[in-house]
């Protein structure tokens, strides 16, 4: 906690320095039409320092959250005993390749079914939780969207496009007929993602090596990075469908199945604070509570220099533990998978991502042990099934840069 406090203090001081130097830069531009290159370079350096300090704050808070969850509690029920026995058997198989009755133990521990034909074994709960926690700290979209665990390959949901109506009525009053709801089915399929870490048998024989931690560290970052890219850029073919893959139309012509955009003008995005206000105004007010901005760090650095009509900076650092950086009062989340500012690009998203985007995790991360393909190494082909897609189109908007 003391470390976070120091970082918050540093963030506040650095931001104040940035505002002072940037104000001088803006006055030079107003007076001369340009700023001193050395001053502009200094402002950019301070701006980059703010981004770095803010990122350190975010990472420390994420680590504290993980640590605060503590260890998994033990249980005394039959299923708890079965899970403990499965964990022991899994570790023996992982290290030595001895299956024994592991398949039956997996069923008893609700970790698998006898007719599972995928091969390998499902990792124990503690190991899966380690992998998922790391993924949650790396992937920005996992922190923003709704994440749901399922036991099948496909999730289907009926969504009301807004056609139903309601009304008030007295206890004995006549009930007027309401409009029929306009329902549409959303179907999201899970796709397989894999990683294949390798270890020597000597390493596996070392009883001091924490198998759960080793596998978690080896595959979690790879999973998280691949997922993070797919949730933004995935085309929906053999991977989740990302935000960038959806058809986008001007917000004035918004229609279900497409994402509304607000035109953002020039590719330099020169102090287009008013366009950002237009983006927030373009979102239905029922989604504003819980909304956030999503952009990459470069775009965030550009916007950090913006002011409103009264000369106030519209980007603000989070100067309390757990408080996010904000833009126009809404949290800012950075993800470098979002594209840069440029003609025809969509560098900024805004919306209630929990309502807009759904991430699906099919139950069970599986490991297939392969001691033959790459001797003297043992390969661990690790797979999980993940899906993702928009389920409420009107809950998200984007800014489009029109010209170069």
Protein backbone atom coordinates (compact mmCIF):
# COMPACT_ATOMS: atom_id res chain seq x y z
CA UNK A 1 0.00 0.00 0.00
CA UNK A 2 2.90 2.38 0.78
CA UNK A 3 4.31 1.70 -2.68
CA UNK A 4 1.00 2.61 -4.33
CA UNK A 5 0.81 5.78 -2.23
CA UNK A 6 4.26 6.85 -3.46
CA UNK A 7 3.29 6.18 -7.06
CA UNK A 8 0.07 8.20 -6.67
CA UNK A 9 2.07 11.12 -5.29
CA UNK A 10 4.52 10.87 -8.18
CA UNK A 11 1.63 10.71 -10.66
CA UNK A 12 0.04 13.85 -9.23
CA UNK A 13 3.29 15.84 -9.24
CA UNK A 14 4.22 14.74 -12.75
CA UNK A 15 0.78 15.65 -14.08
CA UNK A 16 1.00 19.14 -12.56
CA UNK A 17 4.43 19.60 -14.17
CA UNK A 18 3.00 18.39 -17.47
CA UNK A 19 0.12 20.88 -17.34
CA UNK A 20 2.48 23.77 -16.63
CA UNK A 21 4.88 22.94 -19.47
CA UNK A 22 2.08 22.14 -21.91
CA UNK A 23 0.37 25.44 -21.13
CA UNK A 24 3.57 27.23 -22.11
CA UNK A 25 3.72 25.17 -25.32
CA UNK A 26 0.12 26.04 -26.20
CA UNK A 27 0.76 29.77 -25.60
CA UNK A 28 3.78 29.67 -27.90
CA UNK A 29 1.68 28.00 -30.60
CA UNK A 30 -1.01 30.66 -30.16
CA UNK A 31 1.49 33.52 -30.30
CA UNK A 32 3.97 32.26 -32.93
CA UNK A 33 2.11 29.52 -34.75
CA UNK A 34 4.58 26.93 -33.47
CA UNK A 35 6.31 25.86 -30.26
CA UNK A 36 10.00 25.58 -29.46
CA UNK A 37 11.03 22.04 -30.53
CA UNK A 38 12.94 21.54 -27.29
CA UNK A 39 9.88 22.52 -25.27
CA UNK A 40 7.66 20.20 -27.32
CA UNK A 41 10.16 17.39 -26.74
CA UNK A 42 10.14 18.12 -23.00
CA UNK A 43 6.33 18.00 -22.89
CA UNK A 44 6.31 14.69 -24.75
CA UNK A 45 8.87 13.26 -22.31
CA UNK A 46 6.77 14.26 -19.30
CA UNK A 47 3.68 12.90 -21.05
CA UNK A 48 5.43 9.54 -21.50
CA UNK A 49 6.45 9.59 -17.82
CA UNK A 50 2.80 10.02 -16.83
CA UNK A 51 1.83 6.99 -18.93
CA UNK A 52 4.58 4.90 -17.34
CA UNK A 53 3.70 5.90 -13.78
CA UNK A 54 -0.02 5.33 -14.41
CA UNK A 55 0.75 1.87 -15.80
CA UNK A 56 2.85 1.02 -12.72
CA UNK A 57 -0.07 2.06 -10.52
CA UNK A 58 -2.47 -0.15 -12.47
CA UNK A 59 -0.14 -3.15 -12.28
CA UNK A 60 0.47 -2.79 -8.54
CA UNK A 61 -3.26 -2.52 -7.88
CA UNK A 62 -3.86 -5.65 -9.96
CA UNK A 63 -1.22 -7.53 -7.98
CA UNK A 64 -2.75 -6.43 -4.69
CA UNK A 65 -6.16 -7.61 -5.90
CA UNK A 66 -4.78 -11.04 -6.77
CA UNK A 67 -2.90 -11.30 -3.48
CA UNK A 68 -5.99 -10.20 -1.56
CA UNK A 69 -7.93 -13.17 -2.85
CA UNK A 70 -5.64 -15.43 -0.88
CA UNK A 71 -5.25 -19.16 -1.16
CA UNK A 72 -8.05 -21.54 -2.04
CA UNK A 73 -9.76 -22.88 1.00
CA UNK A 74 -9.89 -26.60 1.61
CA UNK A 75 -13.10 -28.54 2.07
CA UNK A 76 -14.25 -31.76 3.62
CA UNK A 77 -17.06 -32.79 1.26
CA UNK A 78 -16.73 -35.81 -1.01
CA UNK A 79 -16.29 -33.60 -4.03
CA UNK A 80 -13.55 -31.64 -2.23
CA UNK A 81 -11.77 -34.86 -1.40
CA UNK A 82 -12.09 -35.99 -5.00
CA UNK A 83 -10.64 -32.71 -6.21
CA UNK A 84 -7.70 -33.03 -3.85
CA UNK A 85 -7.08 -36.59 -5.01
CA UNK A 86 -7.34 -35.53 -8.64
CA UNK A 87 -4.86 -32.72 -8.06
CA UNK A 88 -2.36 -35.20 -6.59
CA UNK A 89 -2.89 -37.63 -9.46
CA UNK A 90 -2.61 -34.87 -12.06
CA UNK A 91 0.70 -33.69 -10.65
CA UNK A 92 2.06 -37.24 -10.72
CA UNK A 93 0.98 -37.60 -14.35
CA UNK A 94 2.36 -34.17 -15.21
CA UNK A 95 5.77 -35.04 -13.77
CA UNK A 96 6.08 -38.73 -14.65
CA UNK A 97 3.45 -39.47 -17.28
CA UNK A 98 1.76 -42.09 -15.09
CA UNK A 99 -1.99 -41.96 -15.73
CA UNK A 100 -3.15 -44.71 -13.30
CA UNK A 101 -6.86 -44.01 -12.65
CA UNK A 102 -6.64 -40.28 -13.42
CA UNK A 103 -9.50 -40.37 -15.95
CA UNK A 104 -11.90 -41.75 -13.33
CA UNK A 105 -10.66 -39.27 -10.73
CA UNK A 106 -11.32 -36.45 -13.20
CA UNK A 107 -14.97 -37.47 -13.48
CA UNK A 108 -15.35 -37.79 -9.69
CA UNK A 109 -13.84 -34.32 -9.27
CA UNK A 110 -16.17 -32.85 -11.93
CA UNK A 111 -13.07 -31.99 -13.97
CA UNK A 112 -14.05 -34.02 -17.02
CA UNK A 113 -16.39 -36.64 -18.43
CA UNK A 114 -15.60 -40.18 -19.55
CA UNK A 115 -16.62 -39.42 -23.15
CA UNK A 116 -14.24 -36.43 -23.50
CA UNK A 117 -12.31 -37.12 -26.71
CA UNK A 118 -10.09 -34.04 -26.70
CA UNK A 119 -7.14 -35.92 -25.20
CA UNK A 120 -5.04 -35.06 -22.19
CA UNK A 121 -6.48 -33.99 -18.85
CA UNK A 122 -8.17 -30.93 -17.43
CA UNK A 123 -5.96 -28.92 -15.11
CA UNK A 124 -7.06 -28.74 -11.44
CA UNK A 125 -9.06 -25.73 -10.28
CA UNK A 126 -6.13 -23.98 -8.57
CA UNK A 127 -4.01 -24.20 -11.70
CA UNK A 128 -6.82 -22.97 -13.94
CA UNK A 129 -7.48 -20.07 -11.55
CA UNK A 130 -3.80 -19.08 -11.70
CA UNK A 131 -3.96 -18.93 -15.50
CA UNK A 132 -7.24 -17.00 -15.54
CA UNK A 133 -6.03 -14.46 -12.95
CA UNK A 134 -2.96 -13.65 -15.01
CA UNK A 135 -5.07 -13.35 -18.15
CA UNK A 136 -7.39 -10.96 -16.33
CA UNK A 137 -4.51 -8.61 -15.46
CA UNK A 138 -3.06 -8.60 -19.00
CA UNK A 139 -6.15 -8.42 -21.22
CA UNK A 140 -7.90 -5.06 -21.02
CA UNK A 141 -11.11 -6.43 -22.50
CA UNK A 142 -11.35 -9.13 -19.83
CA UNK A 143 -11.49 -6.36 -17.27
CA UNK A 144 -14.10 -4.39 -19.19
CA UNK A 145 -16.44 -6.99 -20.67
CA UNK A 146 -18.74 -9.53 -19.08
CA UNK A 147 -16.94 -12.87 -18.70
CA UNK A 148 -19.03 -16.04 -18.48
CA UNK A 149 -18.07 -19.67 -18.03
CA UNK A 150 -20.02 -22.26 -20.04
CA UNK A 151 -19.91 -26.02 -20.53
CA UNK A 152 -20.68 -26.14 -24.26
CA UNK A 153 -19.12 -24.78 -27.45
CA UNK A 154 -21.88 -22.29 -28.21
CA UNK A 155 -23.80 -19.73 -26.19
CA UNK A 156 -27.12 -18.40 -27.49
CA UNK A 157 -29.08 -15.50 -26.12
CA UNK A 158 -32.23 -13.64 -27.13
CA UNK A 159 -31.70 -9.88 -27.00
CA UNK A 160 -34.44 -7.25 -27.08
CA UNK A 161 -33.61 -4.60 -29.66
CA UNK A 162 -35.82 -2.11 -27.89
CA UNK A 163 -39.24 -2.79 -29.42
CA UNK A 164 -41.11 -3.74 -26.22
CA UNK A 165 -42.97 -1.12 -24.20
CA UNK A 166 -44.21 -0.99 -20.62
CA UNK A 167 -46.67 1.11 -18.67
CA UNK A 168 -48.07 1.94 -15.23
CA UNK A 169 -51.45 0.70 -14.16
CA UNK A 170 -53.65 0.76 -11.10
CA UNK A 171 -54.63 -2.39 -9.21
CA UNK A 172 -57.97 -2.64 -11.02
CA UNK A 173 -57.14 -0.61 -14.09
CA UNK A 174 -57.31 -2.03 -17.60
CA UNK A 175 -54.01 -3.30 -18.95
CA UNK A 176 -53.32 -1.74 -22.32
CA UNK A 177 -51.62 -4.03 -24.80
CA UNK A 178 -47.89 -3.34 -25.06
CA UNK A 179 -45.79 -3.57 -28.18
CA UNK A 180 -44.27 -6.95 -28.93
CA UNK A 181 -40.59 -7.13 -28.10
CA UNK A 182 -38.24 -7.15 -31.07
CA UNK A 183 -35.99 -10.10 -30.27
CA UNK A 184 -32.88 -11.23 -32.07
CA UNK A 185 -30.77 -14.28 -31.32
CA UNK A 186 -27.10 -13.79 -30.54
CA UNK A 187 -24.88 -16.86 -30.89
CA UNK A 188 -21.22 -16.89 -29.83
CA UNK A 189 -19.01 -19.88 -30.50
CA UNK A 190 -15.91 -20.72 -28.51
CA UNK A 191 -12.64 -21.24 -30.40
CA UNK A 192 -9.55 -23.13 -29.33
CA UNK A 193 -6.41 -21.31 -28.28
CA UNK A 194 -3.23 -23.19 -27.43
CA UNK A 195 0.27 -22.87 -26.01
CA UNK A 196 2.97 -25.53 -25.87
CA UNK A 197 5.59 -24.95 -23.17
CA UNK A 198 8.46 -27.42 -22.83
CA UNK A 199 10.41 -28.68 -19.81
CA UNK A 200 13.24 -31.13 -19.23
CA UNK A 201 12.48 -34.26 -17.25
CA UNK A 202 15.11 -33.11 -14.75
CA UNK A 203 13.09 -29.98 -14.06
CA UNK A 204 9.90 -32.02 -13.67
CA UNK A 205 11.63 -34.40 -11.25
CA UNK A 206 12.47 -31.49 -8.95
CA UNK A 207 9.87 -31.71 -6.21
CA UNK A 208 10.53 -28.09 -5.23
CA UNK A 209 9.12 -26.86 -8.53
CA UNK A 210 5.53 -25.66 -8.15
CA UNK A 211 3.85 -27.29 -11.15
CA UNK A 212 0.78 -25.03 -11.05
CA UNK A 213 2.90 -21.88 -10.93
CA UNK A 214 5.25 -23.13 -13.66
CA UNK A 215 2.49 -23.98 -16.14
CA UNK A 216 0.56 -20.84 -15.22
CA UNK A 217 3.55 -18.61 -15.88
CA UNK A 218 4.36 -20.39 -19.13
CA UNK A 219 0.94 -20.25 -20.77
CA UNK A 220 -1.02 -17.46 -19.08
CA UNK A 221 0.76 -14.55 -20.75
CA UNK A 222 0.60 -16.24 -24.16
CA UNK A 223 -3.12 -16.91 -23.75
CA UNK A 224 -3.77 -13.39 -22.51
CA UNK A 225 -1.89 -11.70 -25.34
CA UNK A 226 -3.59 -13.81 -28.02
CA UNK A 227 -7.00 -13.25 -26.47
CA UNK A 228 -6.41 -9.54 -26.04
CA UNK A 229 -5.62 -9.15 -29.72
CA UNK A 230 -8.61 -11.27 -30.77
CA UNK A 231 -11.10 -9.30 -28.63
CA UNK A 232 -10.10 -6.19 -30.61
CA UNK A 233 -8.98 -7.46 -34.02
CA UNK A 234 -10.32 -11.02 -34.30
CA UNK A 235 -12.36 -11.77 -37.42
CA UNK A 236 -14.60 -14.37 -35.78
CA UNK A 237 -13.13 -17.20 -37.86
CA UNK A 238 -11.38 -19.68 -35.57
CA UNK A 239 -11.10 -16.89 -32.99
CA UNK A 240 -13.38 -14.43 -31.17
CA UNK A 241 -14.91 -11.56 -33.14
CA UNK A 242 -13.24 -8.34 -32.08
CA UNK A 243 -14.53 -4.78 -31.97
CA UNK A 244 -12.70 -3.82 -35.16
CA UNK A 245 -14.42 -6.57 -37.19
CA UNK A 246 -17.93 -5.17 -36.82
CA UNK A 247 -19.49 -2.97 -39.47
CA UNK A 248 -19.52 0.67 -38.43
CA UNK A 249 -21.91 3.36 -39.64
CA UNK A 250 -22.51 6.98 -38.75
CA UNK A 251 -24.28 7.17 -35.43
CA UNK A 252 -27.14 9.17 -36.91
CA UNK A 253 -27.97 6.08 -39.01
CA UNK A 254 -27.37 3.54 -36.24
CA UNK A 255 -29.00 0.16 -36.79
CA UNK A 256 -28.88 -3.08 -34.85
CA UNK A 257 -25.94 -5.28 -35.84
CA UNK A 258 -23.67 -2.33 -36.56
CA UNK A 259 -21.58 -0.01 -34.40
CA UNK A 260 -22.32 3.70 -34.51
CA UNK A 261 -19.43 6.11 -35.03
CA UNK A 262 -18.92 9.85 -34.62
CA UNK A 263 -16.74 11.53 -37.23
CA UNK A 264 -13.51 12.83 -35.70
CA UNK A 265 -12.07 15.03 -38.40
CA UNK A 266 -8.34 15.34 -39.03
CA UNK A 267 -5.94 12.46 -38.41
CA UNK A 268 -3.83 14.55 -36.02
CA UNK A 269 -6.90 14.71 -33.77
CA UNK A 270 -5.77 18.22 -32.83
CA UNK A 271 -7.56 19.08 -29.61
CA UNK A 272 -10.84 17.56 -30.75
CA UNK A 273 -12.27 17.67 -27.24
CA UNK A 274 -15.66 18.57 -28.69
CA UNK A 275 -15.65 15.38 -30.78
CA UNK A 276 -15.05 13.31 -27.66
CA UNK A 277 -18.02 15.01 -26.04
CA UNK A 278 -20.03 14.09 -29.12
CA UNK A 279 -19.05 10.45 -28.62
CA UNK A 280 -20.36 10.44 -25.04
CA UNK A 281 -23.52 12.24 -26.16
CA UNK A 282 -24.00 9.64 -28.88
CA UNK A 283 -24.43 6.86 -26.32
CA UNK A 284 -27.89 6.22 -24.93
CA UNK A 285 -27.95 7.62 -21.39
CA UNK A 286 -29.05 4.28 -19.92
CA UNK A 287 -25.57 2.92 -20.68
CA UNK A 288 -23.50 5.84 -19.37
CA UNK A 289 -23.30 4.53 -15.81
CA UNK A 290 -20.45 2.03 -16.06
CA UNK A 291 -19.07 3.31 -19.35
CA UNK A 292 -15.35 3.58 -20.14
CA UNK A 293 -12.99 4.73 -22.87
CA UNK A 294 -10.74 2.25 -24.67
CA UNK A 295 -7.72 3.32 -26.73
CA UNK A 296 -4.03 2.58 -27.09
CA UNK A 297 -1.31 4.37 -25.13
CA UNK A 298 -0.25 6.59 -28.03
CA UNK A 299 -3.78 7.92 -28.48
CA UNK A 300 -4.10 8.36 -24.73
CA UNK A 301 -0.93 10.47 -24.79
CA UNK A 302 -2.36 12.70 -27.50
CA UNK A 303 -5.63 13.21 -25.65
CA UNK A 304 -3.83 13.99 -22.41
CA UNK A 305 -2.99 17.40 -23.92
CA UNK A 306 -6.62 18.32 -24.68
CA UNK A 307 -8.50 21.10 -22.90
CA UNK A 308 -12.16 22.06 -22.81
CA UNK A 309 -13.54 25.45 -23.75
CA UNK A 310 -12.77 26.81 -20.27
CA UNK A 311 -9.12 25.79 -20.40
CA UNK A 312 -9.42 22.72 -18.17
CA UNK A 313 -7.65 19.49 -19.03
CA UNK A 314 -10.23 16.83 -19.85
CA UNK A 315 -7.89 13.94 -18.92
CA UNK A 316 -7.35 13.48 -15.19
CA UNK A 317 -5.07 11.03 -13.35
CA UNK A 318 -6.49 8.68 -10.73
CA UNK A 319 -4.97 10.09 -7.57
CA UNK A 320 -6.44 7.61 -5.11
CA UNK A 321 -5.80 3.90 -4.66
CA UNK A 322 -8.04 2.02 -7.08
CA UNK A 323 -9.18 5.20 -8.82
CA UNK A 324 -8.85 5.08 -12.63
CA UNK A 325 -7.52 7.79 -14.90
CA UNK A 326 -10.50 9.56 -16.42
CA UNK A 327 -11.45 11.38 -19.61
CA UNK A 328 -14.47 13.67 -19.39
CA UNK A 329 -15.24 11.94 -16.11
CA UNK A 330 -15.19 8.36 -17.47
CA UNK A 331 -12.43 5.78 -16.83
CA UNK A 332 -9.74 5.40 -19.50
CA UNK A 333 -8.44 1.91 -20.25
CA UNK A 334 -5.51 1.41 -22.61
CA UNK A 335 -4.96 -1.56 -24.91
CA UNK A 336 -2.28 -1.38 -27.57
CA UNK A 337 -4.27 -3.74 -29.77
CA UNK A 338 -6.53 -0.78 -30.61
CA UNK A 339 -5.30 0.93 -33.79
CA UNK A 340 -3.43 4.23 -33.93
CA UNK A 341 -4.87 7.56 -35.00
CA UNK A 342 -4.89 7.81 -38.80
CA UNK A 343 -7.17 8.55 -41.72
CA UNK A 344 -10.07 6.11 -41.80
CA UNK A 345 -9.21 4.52 -38.46
CA UNK A 346 -11.24 3.92 -35.28
CA UNK A 347 -8.72 4.71 -32.53
CA UNK A 348 -11.19 5.28 -29.68
CA UNK A 349 -14.10 3.24 -28.33
CA UNK A 350 -16.53 4.37 -25.67
CA UNK A 351 -19.34 2.51 -24.02
CA UNK A 352 -20.63 0.19 -21.36
CA UNK A 353 -18.50 -2.81 -22.26
CA UNK A 354 -20.12 -5.05 -19.65
CA UNK A 355 -23.41 -4.62 -21.49
CA UNK A 356 -21.89 -4.53 -24.96
CA UNK A 357 -19.35 -7.37 -25.14
CA UNK A 358 -19.44 -10.94 -23.86
CA UNK A 359 -16.40 -13.17 -23.34
CA UNK A 360 -17.03 -16.91 -23.00
CA UNK A 361 -14.71 -19.38 -21.30
CA UNK A 362 -15.58 -22.99 -21.89
CA UNK A 363 -15.01 -24.98 -18.72
CA UNK A 364 -11.66 -26.72 -18.52
CA UNK A 365 -8.10 -25.94 -19.57
CA UNK A 366 -6.64 -29.17 -20.92
CA UNK A 367 -3.07 -30.42 -21.08
CA UNK A 368 -1.73 -33.14 -23.37
CA UNK A 369 1.67 -34.49 -22.28
CA UNK A 370 4.09 -35.27 -25.14
CA UNK A 371 7.51 -36.72 -24.15
CA UNK A 372 8.30 -38.01 -27.67
CA UNK A 373 8.20 -35.20 -30.25
CA UNK A 374 11.07 -33.08 -28.96
CA UNK A 375 13.38 -35.21 -26.82
CA UNK A 376 14.89 -34.58 -24.29
CA UNK A 377 12.09 -32.09 -23.65
CA UNK A 378 8.56 -32.90 -22.55
CA UNK A 379 5.99 -30.78 -24.37
CA UNK A 380 2.73 -29.77 -22.72
CA UNK A 381 0.13 -28.95 -25.37
CA UNK A 382 -2.23 -26.73 -23.37
CA UNK A 383 -5.57 -25.65 -24.78
CA UNK A 384 -8.60 -23.65 -23.73
CA UNK A 385 -11.73 -22.60 -25.61
CA UNK A 386 -12.67 -18.94 -25.67
CA UNK A 387 -15.35 -16.95 -27.47
CA UNK A 388 -16.19 -13.28 -27.69
CA UNK A 389 -18.55 -10.90 -29.44
CA UNK A 390 -20.88 -7.93 -29.15
CA UNK A 391 -24.26 -8.72 -27.61
CA UNK A 392 -25.64 -5.18 -27.24
CA UNK A 393 -24.68 -2.95 -30.17
CA UNK A 394 -26.25 0.24 -28.86
CA UNK A 395 -24.08 0.10 -25.72
CA UNK A 396 -20.86 1.00 -27.55
CA UNK A 397 -19.72 3.81 -29.87
CA UNK A 398 -16.49 4.70 -31.61
CA UNK A 399 -14.70 7.73 -33.02
CA UNK A 400 -13.74 7.63 -36.70
CA UNK A 401 -10.93 9.75 -38.13
CA UNK A 402 -12.09 10.87 -41.54
CA UNK A 403 -9.26 12.74 -43.22
CA UNK A 404 -5.46 12.74 -43.26
